């Protein structure tokens, strides 16, 4: 999971994930068109995303297509974010109930 956090720490890599979310299955050339960095830098970023299993590749003849793999992000959500979200929702629910009770008693 450390590799996922490392991959998500860079804004260019997050931009690549956003681009793949919008249009999955893009080539290196297509992805480079949306970033103001060199082709070599995009290649390095994609390699890191692949190592973190955030991007999967498929060869179509001589073309290498890149696909978003959302599973590692979902695992982060399930492990950390979800449990805090539940507490927040429960707190909001309790607050709502308390405010409604106060309103009834006025």
N, C-alpha and C. Protein backbone atom coordinates (compact mmCIF):
# COMPACT_ATOMS: atom_id res chain seq x y z
N UNK A 1 0.81 -1.19 0.00
CA UNK A 1 0.00 0.00 0.00
C UNK A 1 0.86 1.27 0.00
N UNK A 2 2.09 1.15 0.47
CA UNK A 2 3.00 2.31 0.45
C UNK A 2 3.22 2.80 -0.97
N UNK A 3 3.31 1.86 -1.92
CA UNK A 3 3.54 2.26 -3.31
C UNK A 3 2.34 3.03 -3.87
N UNK A 4 1.15 2.72 -3.39
CA UNK A 4 -0.05 3.45 -3.83
C UNK A 4 0.00 4.88 -3.32
N UNK A 5 0.33 5.05 -2.04
CA UNK A 5 0.43 6.40 -1.49
C UNK A 5 1.53 7.19 -2.17
N UNK A 6 2.66 6.54 -2.44
CA UNK A 6 3.75 7.21 -3.14
C UNK A 6 3.30 7.66 -4.53
N UNK A 7 2.59 6.78 -5.21
CA UNK A 7 2.11 7.11 -6.55
C UNK A 7 1.11 8.26 -6.53
N UNK A 8 0.25 8.28 -5.53
CA UNK A 8 -0.77 9.33 -5.44
C UNK A 8 -0.22 10.66 -4.95
N UNK A 9 1.01 10.67 -4.44
CA UNK A 9 1.60 11.88 -3.87
C UNK A 9 1.97 12.92 -4.94
N UNK A 10 2.08 12.50 -6.17
CA UNK A 10 2.52 13.41 -7.23
C UNK A 10 1.33 13.91 -8.06
N UNK A 11 1.28 15.21 -8.29
CA UNK A 11 0.14 15.79 -9.03
C UNK A 11 0.08 15.32 -10.48
N UNK A 12 1.23 15.08 -11.11
CA UNK A 12 1.21 14.58 -12.49
C UNK A 12 0.63 13.17 -12.56
N UNK A 13 0.95 12.35 -11.59
CA UNK A 13 0.39 11.00 -11.58
C UNK A 13 -1.11 11.02 -11.30
N UNK A 14 -1.54 11.91 -10.40
CA UNK A 14 -2.98 12.05 -10.17
C UNK A 14 -3.68 12.54 -11.43
N UNK A 15 -3.04 13.43 -12.17
CA UNK A 15 -3.61 13.91 -13.44
C UNK A 15 -3.73 12.75 -14.44
N UNK A 16 -2.72 11.90 -14.49
CA UNK A 16 -2.80 10.73 -15.38
C UNK A 16 -3.97 9.83 -15.01
N UNK A 17 -4.16 9.61 -13.71
CA UNK A 17 -5.29 8.79 -13.27
C UNK A 17 -6.61 9.45 -13.63
N UNK A 18 -6.68 10.77 -13.48
CA UNK A 18 -7.90 11.50 -13.87
C UNK A 18 -8.16 11.36 -15.36
N UNK A 19 -7.11 11.46 -16.16
CA UNK A 19 -7.26 11.31 -17.61
C UNK A 19 -7.76 9.92 -17.98
N UNK A 20 -7.24 8.91 -17.31
CA UNK A 20 -7.69 7.54 -17.58
C UNK A 20 -9.10 7.32 -17.08
N UNK A 21 -9.48 7.99 -16.00
CA UNK A 21 -10.85 7.89 -15.51
C UNK A 21 -11.82 8.47 -16.55
N UNK A 22 -11.43 9.58 -17.17
CA UNK A 22 -12.28 10.23 -18.17
C UNK A 22 -12.35 9.44 -19.46
N UNK A 23 -11.22 8.82 -19.84
CA UNK A 23 -11.17 8.09 -21.11
C UNK A 23 -10.18 6.94 -20.95
N UNK A 24 -10.66 5.80 -20.56
CA UNK A 24 -9.81 4.66 -20.26
C UNK A 24 -9.22 4.07 -21.54
N UNK A 25 -8.04 3.48 -21.44
CA UNK A 25 -7.43 2.81 -22.59
C UNK A 25 -6.69 3.75 -23.51
N UNK A 26 -5.91 4.66 -22.95
CA UNK A 26 -5.18 5.63 -23.77
C UNK A 26 -3.73 5.19 -23.99
N UNK A 27 -3.17 5.66 -25.10
CA UNK A 27 -1.77 5.40 -25.40
C UNK A 27 -0.91 6.46 -24.70
N UNK A 28 0.38 6.21 -24.70
CA UNK A 28 1.33 7.18 -24.14
C UNK A 28 1.21 8.51 -24.87
N UNK A 29 1.11 8.47 -26.18
CA UNK A 29 0.98 9.68 -26.99
C UNK A 29 -0.25 10.49 -26.58
N UNK A 30 -1.37 9.82 -26.40
CA UNK A 30 -2.60 10.51 -26.01
C UNK A 30 -2.46 11.15 -24.63
N UNK A 31 -1.85 10.44 -23.70
CA UNK A 31 -1.69 10.96 -22.34
C UNK A 31 -0.72 12.14 -22.31
N UNK A 32 0.35 12.06 -23.11
CA UNK A 32 1.33 13.15 -23.16
C UNK A 32 0.71 14.46 -23.64
N UNK A 33 -0.28 14.37 -24.48
CA UNK A 33 -0.91 15.57 -25.04
C UNK A 33 -1.56 16.43 -23.97
N UNK A 34 -1.85 15.87 -22.81
CA UNK A 34 -2.55 16.61 -21.76
C UNK A 34 -1.63 17.09 -20.64
N UNK A 35 -0.34 16.80 -20.75
CA UNK A 35 0.59 17.18 -19.68
C UNK A 35 1.71 18.05 -20.23
N UNK A 36 2.19 18.96 -19.42
CA UNK A 36 3.28 19.85 -19.82
C UNK A 36 4.63 19.34 -19.33
N UNK A 37 4.85 18.04 -19.50
CA UNK A 37 6.13 17.44 -19.14
C UNK A 37 6.58 16.57 -20.30
N UNK A 38 7.83 16.15 -20.26
CA UNK A 38 8.39 15.37 -21.37
C UNK A 38 7.76 13.98 -21.45
N UNK A 39 7.89 13.40 -22.61
CA UNK A 39 7.40 12.03 -22.83
C UNK A 39 8.09 11.06 -21.88
N UNK A 40 9.40 11.26 -21.66
CA UNK A 40 10.16 10.40 -20.76
C UNK A 40 9.62 10.51 -19.33
N UNK A 41 9.25 11.72 -18.91
CA UNK A 41 8.70 11.92 -17.56
C UNK A 41 7.35 11.22 -17.43
N UNK A 42 6.52 11.31 -18.46
CA UNK A 42 5.22 10.64 -18.44
C UNK A 42 5.43 9.13 -18.36
N UNK A 43 6.40 8.62 -19.11
CA UNK A 43 6.71 7.18 -19.08
C UNK A 43 7.11 6.75 -17.67
N UNK A 44 7.94 7.54 -17.01
CA UNK A 44 8.36 7.21 -15.64
C UNK A 44 7.18 7.24 -14.67
N UNK A 45 6.31 8.24 -14.83
CA UNK A 45 5.13 8.32 -13.97
C UNK A 45 4.21 7.11 -14.19
N UNK A 46 4.02 6.73 -15.44
CA UNK A 46 3.17 5.57 -15.75
C UNK A 46 3.77 4.28 -15.18
N UNK A 47 5.09 4.16 -15.23
CA UNK A 47 5.75 2.98 -14.67
C UNK A 47 5.50 2.88 -13.17
N UNK A 48 5.58 4.01 -12.47
CA UNK A 48 5.31 4.02 -11.04
C UNK A 48 3.85 3.66 -10.76
N UNK A 49 2.93 4.16 -11.59
CA UNK A 49 1.51 3.83 -11.43
C UNK A 49 1.27 2.35 -11.69
N UNK A 50 1.98 1.79 -12.66
CA UNK A 50 1.86 0.35 -12.94
C UNK A 50 2.38 -0.47 -11.76
N UNK A 51 3.52 -0.06 -11.20
CA UNK A 51 4.11 -0.79 -10.07
C UNK A 51 3.18 -0.75 -8.85
N UNK A 52 2.41 0.34 -8.72
CA UNK A 52 1.45 0.46 -7.62
C UNK A 52 0.12 -0.22 -7.95
N UNK A 53 0.04 -0.81 -9.13
CA UNK A 53 -1.17 -1.50 -9.62
C UNK A 53 -2.35 -0.54 -9.79
N UNK A 54 -2.06 0.75 -9.99
CA UNK A 54 -3.12 1.72 -10.26
C UNK A 54 -3.42 1.81 -11.75
N UNK A 55 -2.48 1.35 -12.56
CA UNK A 55 -2.65 1.34 -14.01
C UNK A 55 -2.30 -0.06 -14.52
N UNK A 56 -3.16 -0.57 -15.37
CA UNK A 56 -2.91 -1.85 -16.04
C UNK A 56 -2.67 -1.55 -17.52
N UNK A 57 -1.85 -2.36 -18.15
CA UNK A 57 -1.56 -2.13 -19.57
C UNK A 57 -2.00 -3.34 -20.39
N UNK A 58 -2.31 -3.04 -21.62
CA UNK A 58 -2.69 -4.08 -22.57
C UNK A 58 -2.07 -3.71 -23.90
N UNK A 59 -1.43 -4.67 -24.50
CA UNK A 59 -0.84 -4.44 -25.81
C UNK A 59 -1.87 -4.75 -26.89
N UNK A 60 -2.02 -3.81 -27.80
CA UNK A 60 -2.91 -3.97 -28.95
C UNK A 60 -2.03 -3.80 -30.19
N UNK A 61 -1.44 -4.91 -30.64
CA UNK A 61 -0.45 -4.82 -31.71
C UNK A 61 0.80 -4.14 -31.16
N UNK A 62 1.18 -3.02 -31.75
CA UNK A 62 2.35 -2.27 -31.29
C UNK A 62 1.97 -1.17 -30.31
N UNK A 63 0.68 -0.99 -30.09
CA UNK A 63 0.20 0.04 -29.17
C UNK A 63 0.05 -0.49 -27.76
N UNK A 64 0.51 0.29 -26.83
CA UNK A 64 0.37 -0.06 -25.41
C UNK A 64 -0.73 0.83 -24.84
N UNK A 65 -1.82 0.20 -24.44
CA UNK A 65 -2.96 0.95 -23.89
C UNK A 65 -2.91 0.91 -22.37
N UNK A 66 -3.20 2.05 -21.76
CA UNK A 66 -3.16 2.18 -20.31
C UNK A 66 -4.59 2.27 -19.77
N UNK A 67 -4.85 1.49 -18.74
CA UNK A 67 -6.18 1.44 -18.14
C UNK A 67 -6.09 1.72 -16.64
N UNK A 68 -7.05 2.45 -16.14
CA UNK A 68 -7.14 2.72 -14.71
C UNK A 68 -7.58 1.46 -13.98
N UNK A 69 -6.89 1.16 -12.88
CA UNK A 69 -7.30 0.07 -11.98
C UNK A 69 -7.67 0.71 -10.65
N UNK A 70 -8.95 0.89 -10.36
CA UNK A 70 -9.36 1.59 -9.14
C UNK A 70 -9.30 0.75 -7.87
N UNK A 71 -8.96 -0.52 -7.96
CA UNK A 71 -8.99 -1.41 -6.80
C UNK A 71 -8.10 -0.91 -5.65
N UNK A 72 -6.84 -0.52 -5.90
CA UNK A 72 -6.01 -0.04 -4.79
C UNK A 72 -6.59 1.20 -4.09
N UNK A 73 -7.22 2.07 -4.84
CA UNK A 73 -7.83 3.26 -4.24
C UNK A 73 -9.03 2.84 -3.39
N UNK A 74 -9.78 1.88 -3.89
CA UNK A 74 -10.91 1.37 -3.11
C UNK A 74 -10.44 0.72 -1.81
N UNK A 75 -9.34 0.02 -1.88
CA UNK A 75 -8.79 -0.60 -0.67
C UNK A 75 -8.40 0.45 0.37
N UNK A 76 -7.84 1.58 -0.09
CA UNK A 76 -7.53 2.69 0.82
C UNK A 76 -8.82 3.23 1.42
N UNK A 77 -9.81 3.39 0.59
CA UNK A 77 -11.11 3.88 1.07
C UNK A 77 -11.66 2.95 2.15
N UNK A 78 -11.65 1.65 1.87
CA UNK A 78 -12.20 0.68 2.82
C UNK A 78 -11.42 0.65 4.13
N UNK A 79 -10.11 0.76 4.03
CA UNK A 79 -9.28 0.63 5.24
C UNK A 79 -9.29 1.88 6.10
N UNK A 80 -9.25 3.07 5.49
CA UNK A 80 -9.12 4.28 6.29
C UNK A 80 -10.31 5.23 6.17
N UNK A 81 -10.67 5.58 4.97
CA UNK A 81 -11.67 6.64 4.79
C UNK A 81 -13.05 6.20 5.23
N UNK A 82 -13.43 5.01 4.88
CA UNK A 82 -14.78 4.51 5.16
C UNK A 82 -15.11 4.56 6.65
N UNK A 83 -14.18 4.13 7.48
CA UNK A 83 -14.48 4.10 8.92
C UNK A 83 -14.66 5.49 9.50
N UNK A 84 -13.93 6.48 8.97
CA UNK A 84 -14.11 7.85 9.44
C UNK A 84 -15.40 8.44 8.89
N UNK A 85 -15.72 8.07 7.69
CA UNK A 85 -16.95 8.54 7.08
C UNK A 85 -18.15 8.05 7.87
N UNK A 86 -18.13 6.79 8.30
CA UNK A 86 -19.23 6.25 9.09
C UNK A 86 -19.42 7.03 10.38
N UNK A 87 -18.32 7.37 11.05
CA UNK A 87 -18.41 8.13 12.29
C UNK A 87 -18.99 9.52 12.02
N UNK A 88 -18.58 10.12 10.94
CA UNK A 88 -19.10 11.44 10.59
C UNK A 88 -20.59 11.38 10.31
N UNK A 89 -21.00 10.38 9.55
CA UNK A 89 -22.41 10.23 9.24
C UNK A 89 -23.23 9.97 10.50
N UNK A 90 -22.70 9.15 11.38
CA UNK A 90 -23.40 8.88 12.64
C UNK A 90 -23.51 10.15 13.48
N UNK A 91 -22.44 10.96 13.53
CA UNK A 91 -22.47 12.21 14.28
C UNK A 91 -23.50 13.18 13.68
N UNK A 92 -23.56 13.25 12.38
CA UNK A 92 -24.54 14.12 11.73
C UNK A 92 -25.97 13.63 11.99
N UNK A 93 -26.16 12.33 11.98
CA UNK A 93 -27.47 11.76 12.25
C UNK A 93 -27.91 12.09 13.69
N UNK A 94 -26.99 11.92 14.63
CA UNK A 94 -27.29 12.24 16.03
C UNK A 94 -27.60 13.71 16.20
N UNK A 95 -26.81 14.56 15.58
CA UNK A 95 -27.05 16.01 15.64
C UNK A 95 -28.42 16.35 15.08
N UNK A 96 -28.77 15.76 13.96
CA UNK A 96 -30.08 16.01 13.34
C UNK A 96 -31.21 15.59 14.29
N UNK A 97 -31.07 14.40 14.88
CA UNK A 97 -32.10 13.93 15.82
C UNK A 97 -32.23 14.88 17.01
N UNK A 98 -31.11 15.31 17.56
CA UNK A 98 -31.13 16.22 18.71
C UNK A 98 -31.77 17.55 18.37
N UNK A 99 -31.44 18.07 17.21
CA UNK A 99 -32.03 19.36 16.79
C UNK A 99 -33.53 19.23 16.54
N UNK A 100 -33.93 18.11 15.96
CA UNK A 100 -35.37 17.88 15.74
C UNK A 100 -36.11 17.77 17.07
N UNK A 101 -35.50 17.10 18.06
CA UNK A 101 -36.12 16.96 19.38
C UNK A 101 -36.24 18.34 20.05
N UNK A 102 -35.20 19.15 19.95
CA UNK A 102 -35.25 20.50 20.53
C UNK A 102 -36.33 21.32 19.86
N UNK A 103 -36.46 21.17 18.56
CA UNK A 103 -37.46 21.93 17.81
C UNK A 103 -38.87 21.53 18.24
N UNK A 104 -39.09 20.24 18.50
CA UNK A 104 -40.40 19.75 18.95
C UNK A 104 -40.75 20.30 20.31
N UNK A 105 -39.76 20.43 21.17
CA UNK A 105 -39.98 20.87 22.55
C UNK A 105 -40.16 22.38 22.69
N UNK A 106 -39.98 23.13 21.63
CA UNK A 106 -40.12 24.58 21.70
C UNK A 106 -41.55 25.00 21.62
